[in-house]
C-alpha atoms as a PDB file:
ATOM      1  CA  MET A   1      53.181  22.745   0.023  1.00  0.00           C
ATOM      2  CA  LYS A   2      56.097  20.626  -0.968  1.00  0.00           C
ATOM      3  CA  SER A   3      55.008  17.327   0.499  1.00  0.00           C
ATOM      4  CA  LYS A   4      55.327  13.992  -1.270  1.00  0.00           C
ATOM      5  CA  ILE A   5      51.548  13.709  -1.285  1.00  0.00           C
ATOM      6  CA  VAL A   6      51.014  16.916  -3.260  1.00  0.00           C
ATOM      7  CA  LYS A   7      53.780  15.939  -5.701  1.00  0.00           C
ATOM      8  CA  GLU A   8      52.176  12.528  -6.217  1.00  0.00           C
ATOM      9  CA  ILE A   9      48.788  14.116  -6.915  1.00  0.00           C
ATOM     10  CA  GLU A  10      50.317  16.647  -9.338  1.00  0.00           C
ATOM     11  CA  GLN A  11      52.150  13.890 -11.208  1.00  0.00           C
ATOM     12  CA  THR A  12      49.006  11.777 -11.507  1.00  0.00           C
ATOM     13  CA  ILE A  13      46.821  14.684 -12.632  1.00  0.00           C
ATOM     14  CA  LYS A  14      49.352  15.609 -15.344  1.00  0.00           C
ATOM     15  CA  ASN A  15      48.975  12.088 -16.774  1.00  0.00           C
ATOM     16  CA  ILE A  16      45.209  12.431 -17.364  1.00  0.00           C
ATOM     17  CA  PRO A  17      44.512  13.290 -21.009  1.00  0.00           C
ATOM     18  CA  GLU A  18      42.506  16.524 -21.322  1.00  0.00           C
ATOM     19  CA  ARG A  19      40.160  14.808 -23.775  1.00  0.00           C
ATOM     20  CA  SER A  20      38.996  12.513 -20.949  1.00  0.00           C
ATOM     21  CA  ILE A  21      37.114  15.397 -19.361  1.00  0.00           C
ATOM     22  CA  ASP A  22      35.416  16.341 -22.638  1.00  0.00           C
ATOM     23  CA  GLU A  23      34.494  12.726 -23.365  1.00  0.00           C
ATOM     24  CA  ILE A  24      32.822  12.265 -19.989  1.00  0.00           C
ATOM     25  CA  ILE A  25      31.023  15.603 -20.339  1.00  0.00           C
ATOM     26  CA  ASP A  26      29.680  14.473 -23.720  1.00  0.00           C
ATOM     27  CA  GLU A  27      28.408  11.248 -22.159  1.00  0.00           C
ATOM     28  CA  ILE A  28      26.738  13.200 -19.347  1.00  0.00           C
ATOM     29  CA  ARG A  29      25.143  15.653 -21.775  1.00  0.00           C
ATOM     30  CA  ASN A  30      23.763  12.801 -23.893  1.00  0.00           C
ATOM     31  CA  CYS A  31      22.204  10.742 -21.110  1.00  0.00           C
ATOM     32  CA  SER A  32      18.968  10.971 -19.156  1.00  0.00           C
ATOM     33  CA  ARG A  33      20.380  10.300 -15.698  1.00  0.00           C
ATOM     34  CA  VAL A  34      23.776   9.544 -14.175  1.00  0.00           C
ATOM     35  CA  PHE A  35      24.294   6.713 -11.704  1.00  0.00           C
ATOM     36  CA  LEU A  36      27.494   6.427  -9.697  1.00  0.00           C
ATOM     37  CA  TRP A  37      28.858   3.398  -7.925  1.00  0.00           C
ATOM     38  CA  GLY A  38      31.892   2.442  -5.914  1.00  0.00           C
ATOM     39  CA  LEU A  39      32.896   0.860  -2.626  1.00  0.00           C
ATOM     40  CA  GLY A  40      34.784   2.247   0.363  1.00  0.00           C
ATOM     41  CA  ARG A  41      36.637   5.507  -0.193  1.00  0.00           C
ATOM     42  CA  SER A  42      36.280   5.186  -3.971  1.00  0.00           C
ATOM     43  CA  GLY A  43      32.536   5.094  -3.348  1.00  0.00           C
ATOM     44  CA  MET A  44      32.826   8.270  -1.301  1.00  0.00           C
ATOM     45  CA  MET A  45      34.432  10.024  -4.271  1.00  0.00           C
ATOM     46  CA  ALA A  46      31.628   8.727  -6.516  1.00  0.00           C
ATOM     47  CA  ARG A  47      29.016   9.950  -4.020  1.00  0.00           C
ATOM     48  CA  ALA A  48      30.664  13.410  -3.943  1.00  0.00           C
ATOM     49  CA  PHE A  49      30.509  13.561  -7.743  1.00  0.00           C
ATOM     50  CA  ALA A  50      26.827  12.563  -7.738  1.00  0.00           C
ATOM     51  CA  MET A  51      26.164  15.422  -5.320  1.00  0.00           C
ATOM     52  CA  ARG A  52      27.988  17.960  -7.507  1.00  0.00           C
ATOM     53  CA  LEU A  53      26.079  16.760 -10.568  1.00  0.00           C
ATOM     54  CA  ARG A  54      22.881  17.492  -8.609  1.00  0.00           C
ATOM     55  CA  HIS A  55      24.210  20.973  -7.886  1.00  0.00           C
ATOM     56  CA  LEU A  56      24.590  21.405 -11.651  1.00  0.00           C
ATOM     57  CA  GLY A  57      20.904  20.551 -11.994  1.00  0.00           C
ATOM     58  CA  LEU A  58      21.395  17.024 -13.323  1.00  0.00           C
ATOM     59  CA  GLU A  59      19.503  13.963 -12.198  1.00  0.00           C
ATOM     60  CA  SER A  60      22.156  11.815 -10.548  1.00  0.00           C
ATOM     61  CA  TYR A  61      22.201   9.025  -8.005  1.00  0.00           C
ATOM     62  CA  PHE A  62      24.715   7.117  -5.959  1.00  0.00           C
ATOM     63  CA  ILE A  63      23.640   3.490  -5.991  1.00  0.00           C
ATOM     64  CA  ALA A  64      22.595   2.814  -2.421  1.00  0.00           C
ATOM     65  CA  GLY A  65      19.462   3.485  -0.472  1.00  0.00           C
ATOM     66  CA  LEU A  66      16.737   5.220  -2.463  1.00  0.00           C
ATOM     67  CA  CYS A  67      17.585   4.914  -6.118  1.00  0.00           C
ATOM     68  CA  PRO A  68      15.409   4.328  -9.206  1.00  0.00           C
ATOM     69  CA  PRO A  69      16.147   1.491 -11.633  1.00  0.00           C
ATOM     70  CA  VAL A  70      18.737   2.115 -14.318  1.00  0.00           C
ATOM     71  CA  ARG A  71      17.361   2.288 -17.877  1.00  0.00           C
ATOM     72  CA  LYS A  72      18.354   2.765 -21.474  1.00  0.00           C
ATOM     73  CA  ASN A  73      19.799   6.268 -22.070  1.00  0.00           C
ATOM     74  CA  ASP A  74      21.194   6.372 -18.527  1.00  0.00           C
ATOM     75  CA  LEU A  75      24.895   6.478 -17.719  1.00  0.00           C
ATOM     76  CA  MET A  76      26.614   4.526 -14.976  1.00  0.00           C
ATOM     77  CA  ILE A  77      30.056   5.542 -13.760  1.00  0.00           C
ATOM     78  CA  VAL A  78      31.770   3.047 -11.485  1.00  0.00           C
ATOM     79  CA  VAL A  79      34.882   4.002  -9.514  1.00  0.00           C
ATOM     80  CA  SER A  80      37.359   1.409  -8.267  1.00  0.00           C
ATOM     81  CA  ARG A  81      41.125   1.442  -8.069  1.00  0.00           C
ATOM     82  CA  THR A  82      41.443  -2.340  -8.517  1.00  0.00           C
ATOM     83  CA  GLY A  83      38.116  -3.406 -10.008  1.00  0.00           C
ATOM     84  CA  ALA A  84      38.486  -6.583  -7.965  1.00  0.00           C
ATOM     85  CA  SER A  85      35.505  -6.689  -5.622  1.00  0.00           C
ATOM     86  CA  ARG A  86      32.651  -8.848  -6.861  1.00  0.00           C
ATOM     87  CA  MET A  87      30.250  -6.430  -5.133  1.00  0.00           C
ATOM     88  CA  LEU A  88      30.994  -3.897  -7.893  1.00  0.00           C
ATOM     89  CA  PHE A  89      29.582  -6.037 -10.665  1.00  0.00           C
ATOM     90  CA  PRO A  90      25.809  -6.506 -10.080  1.00  0.00           C
ATOM     91  CA  PRO A  91      24.959  -2.795 -10.626  1.00  0.00           C
ATOM     92  CA  VAL A  92      27.218  -2.649 -13.695  1.00  0.00           C
ATOM     93  CA  GLU A  93      25.632  -5.817 -15.087  1.00  0.00           C
ATOM     94  CA  ALA A  94      22.148  -4.361 -14.448  1.00  0.00           C
ATOM     95  CA  ALA A  95      23.152  -1.221 -16.335  1.00  0.00           C
ATOM     96  CA  LYS A  96      24.526  -3.270 -19.229  1.00  0.00           C
ATOM     97  CA  SER A  97      21.380  -5.417 -19.456  1.00  0.00           C
ATOM     98  CA  SER A  98      19.259  -2.235 -19.410  1.00  0.00           C
ATOM     99  CA  LYS A  99      21.280  -0.834 -22.322  1.00  0.00           C
ATOM    100  CA  ALA A 100      22.671   2.023 -20.220  1.00  0.00           C
ATOM    101  CA  LYS A 101      26.176   3.221 -21.024  1.00  0.00           C
ATOM    102  CA  THR A 102      28.897   2.270 -18.568  1.00  0.00           C
ATOM    103  CA  ILE A 103      32.140   4.014 -17.682  1.00  0.00           C
ATOM    104  CA  CYS A 104      34.755   2.897 -15.202  1.00  0.00           C
ATOM    105  CA  VAL A 105      37.415   5.022 -13.564  1.00  0.00           C
ATOM    106  CA  THR A 106      40.178   2.791 -12.298  1.00  0.00           C
ATOM    107  CA  ALA A 107      43.949   2.460 -11.950  1.00  0.00           C
ATOM    108  CA  SER A 108      44.695  -0.626 -14.057  1.00  0.00           C
ATOM    109  CA  THR A 109      43.304  -3.003 -16.627  1.00  0.00           C
ATOM    110  CA  ASN A 110      41.009  -5.310 -14.671  1.00  0.00           C
ATOM    111  CA  ASP A 111      37.675  -7.137 -14.834  1.00  0.00           C
ATOM    112  CA  LEU A 112      35.734  -3.852 -14.815  1.00  0.00           C
ATOM    113  CA  THR A 113      37.614  -2.563 -17.845  1.00  0.00           C
ATOM    114  CA  LYS A 114      36.573  -5.711 -19.696  1.00  0.00           C
ATOM    115  CA  ILE A 115      32.834  -5.097 -19.282  1.00  0.00           C
ATOM    116  CA  CYS A 116      32.437  -1.289 -19.288  1.00  0.00           C
ATOM    117  CA  ASP A 117      31.819   0.608 -22.520  1.00  0.00           C
ATOM    118  CA  ARG A 118      34.514   3.171 -21.774  1.00  0.00           C
ATOM    119  CA  CYS A 119      37.332   3.148 -19.228  1.00  0.00           C
ATOM    120  CA  TYR A 120      39.615   5.781 -17.811  1.00  0.00           C
ATOM    121  CA  ILE A 121      42.742   4.340 -16.286  1.00  0.00           C
ATOM    122  CA  LEU A 122      44.478   6.799 -13.996  1.00  0.00           C
ATOM    123  CA  LYS A 123      48.196   6.088 -14.154  1.00  0.00           C
ATOM    124  CA  LEU A 124      49.455   6.217 -10.602  1.00  0.00           C
ATOM    125  CA  PRO A 125      53.102   6.640  -9.653  1.00  0.00           C
ATOM    126  CA  GLU A 126      54.538   4.740  -6.703  1.00  0.00           C
ATOM    127  CA  SER A 127      52.868   6.283  -3.668  1.00  0.00           C
ATOM    128  CA  SER A 128      54.112   6.968  -0.164  1.00  0.00           C
ATOM    129  CA  GLN A 129      50.511   6.825   1.070  1.00  0.00           C
ATOM    130  CA  PHE A 130      48.525   3.942   2.474  1.00  0.00           C
ATOM    131  CA  GLY A 131      46.163   1.935   0.297  1.00  0.00           C
ATOM    132  CA  GLY A 132      44.341   3.729  -2.472  1.00  0.00           C
ATOM    133  CA  SER A 133      44.682   7.255  -1.084  1.00  0.00           C
ATOM    134  CA  LEU A 134      46.401   8.645  -4.177  1.00  0.00           C
ATOM    135  CA  PHE A 135      43.746   7.140  -6.445  1.00  0.00           C
ATOM    136  CA  GLU A 136      40.922   8.588  -4.359  1.00  0.00           C
ATOM    137  CA  GLN A 137      42.495  12.040  -4.189  1.00  0.00           C
ATOM    138  CA  THR A 138      43.034  12.018  -7.943  1.00  0.00           C
ATOM    139  CA  VAL A 139      39.477  10.881  -8.649  1.00  0.00           C
ATOM    140  CA  LEU A 140      38.047  13.714  -6.535  1.00  0.00           C
ATOM    141  CA  ILE A 141      40.092  16.309  -8.428  1.00  0.00           C
ATOM    142  CA  PHE A 142      39.325  14.661 -11.798  1.00  0.00           C
ATOM    143  CA  PHE A 143      35.585  14.770 -11.039  1.00  0.00           C
ATOM    144  CA  ASP A 144      35.809  18.376  -9.852  1.00  0.00           C
ATOM    145  CA  GLU A 145      37.518  19.282 -13.133  1.00  0.00           C
ATOM    146  CA  ILE A 146      34.607  17.660 -14.986  1.00  0.00           C
ATOM    147  CA  VAL A 147      32.096  19.635 -12.901  1.00  0.00           C
ATOM    148  CA  GLU A 148      33.846  22.953 -13.490  1.00  0.00           C
ATOM    149  CA  SER A 149      34.297  22.324 -17.203  1.00  0.00           C
ATOM    150  CA  TYR A 150      30.649  21.260 -17.569  1.00  0.00           C
ATOM    151  CA  ARG A 151      29.529  24.324 -15.605  1.00  0.00           C
ATOM    152  CA  LYS A 152      31.435  26.662 -17.902  1.00  0.00           C
ATOM    153  CA  LYS A 153      30.333  24.929 -21.122  1.00  0.00           C
ATOM    154  CA  MET A 154      26.686  25.009 -20.085  1.00  0.00           C
ATOM    155  CA  GLY A 155      26.825  28.567 -18.708  1.00  0.00           C
ATOM    156  CA  ILE A 156      25.760  27.502 -15.210  1.00  0.00           C
ATOM    157  CA  THR A 157      26.458  30.110 -12.558  1.00  0.00           C
ATOM    158  CA  PHE A 158      27.440  29.506  -8.953  1.00  0.00           C
ATOM    159  CA  GLU A 159      24.131  31.124  -8.004  1.00  0.00           C
ATOM    160  CA  GLN A 160      22.260  28.478 -10.005  1.00  0.00           C
ATOM    161  CA  MET A 161      24.281  25.744  -8.329  1.00  0.00           C
ATOM    162  CA  GLU A 162      23.570  27.278  -4.934  1.00  0.00           C
ATOM    163  CA  ARG A 163      19.816  26.991  -5.606  1.00  0.00           C
ATOM    164  CA  ASN A 164      20.330  23.236  -6.059  1.00  0.00           C
ATOM    165  CA  HIS A 165      22.358  22.953  -2.856  1.00  0.00           C
ATOM    166  CA  ALA A 166      20.710  21.561   0.261  1.00  0.00           C
ATOM    167  CA  ASN A 167      19.046  24.360   2.213  1.00  0.00           C
ATOM    168  CA  TRP A 168      18.451  22.461   5.459  1.00  0.00           C
ATOM    169  CA  GLU A 169      22.094  22.274   6.476  1.00  0.00           C
END
């Protein structure tokens, strides 16, 4: 594939420091539970990551519907390209007041980067795509890289992950 979209994704992925993956894995390994949050398509990428973390055998939740309260020793990862929506902040503030660690994955310095403990800013080139498509595509690949790296470091097999996969589908 030689499309502009694939080239944009490749360029963005190349800009992500390799240490980012290891840092997030360390945070995941050192927490009790992982909570994910985001709105719109960014939220969909966060929800997909929460599901993969479950497949790895970790206790993870996307904040919506049935979800326990966040507590100390938990980790919250919030995903937002702009960090602008006020709807993003109440769960992050709850995590902060509960002494949970907070991470944001975003595309620029914004209000989220000011309140989260650690931030990963994905440097996006000019995109030919509508809205935040490039950000969302990059986040999905970034999270899948974290899953695969975690799986290898922890010696988790695909068979083990399959046992954690929904069996009613």
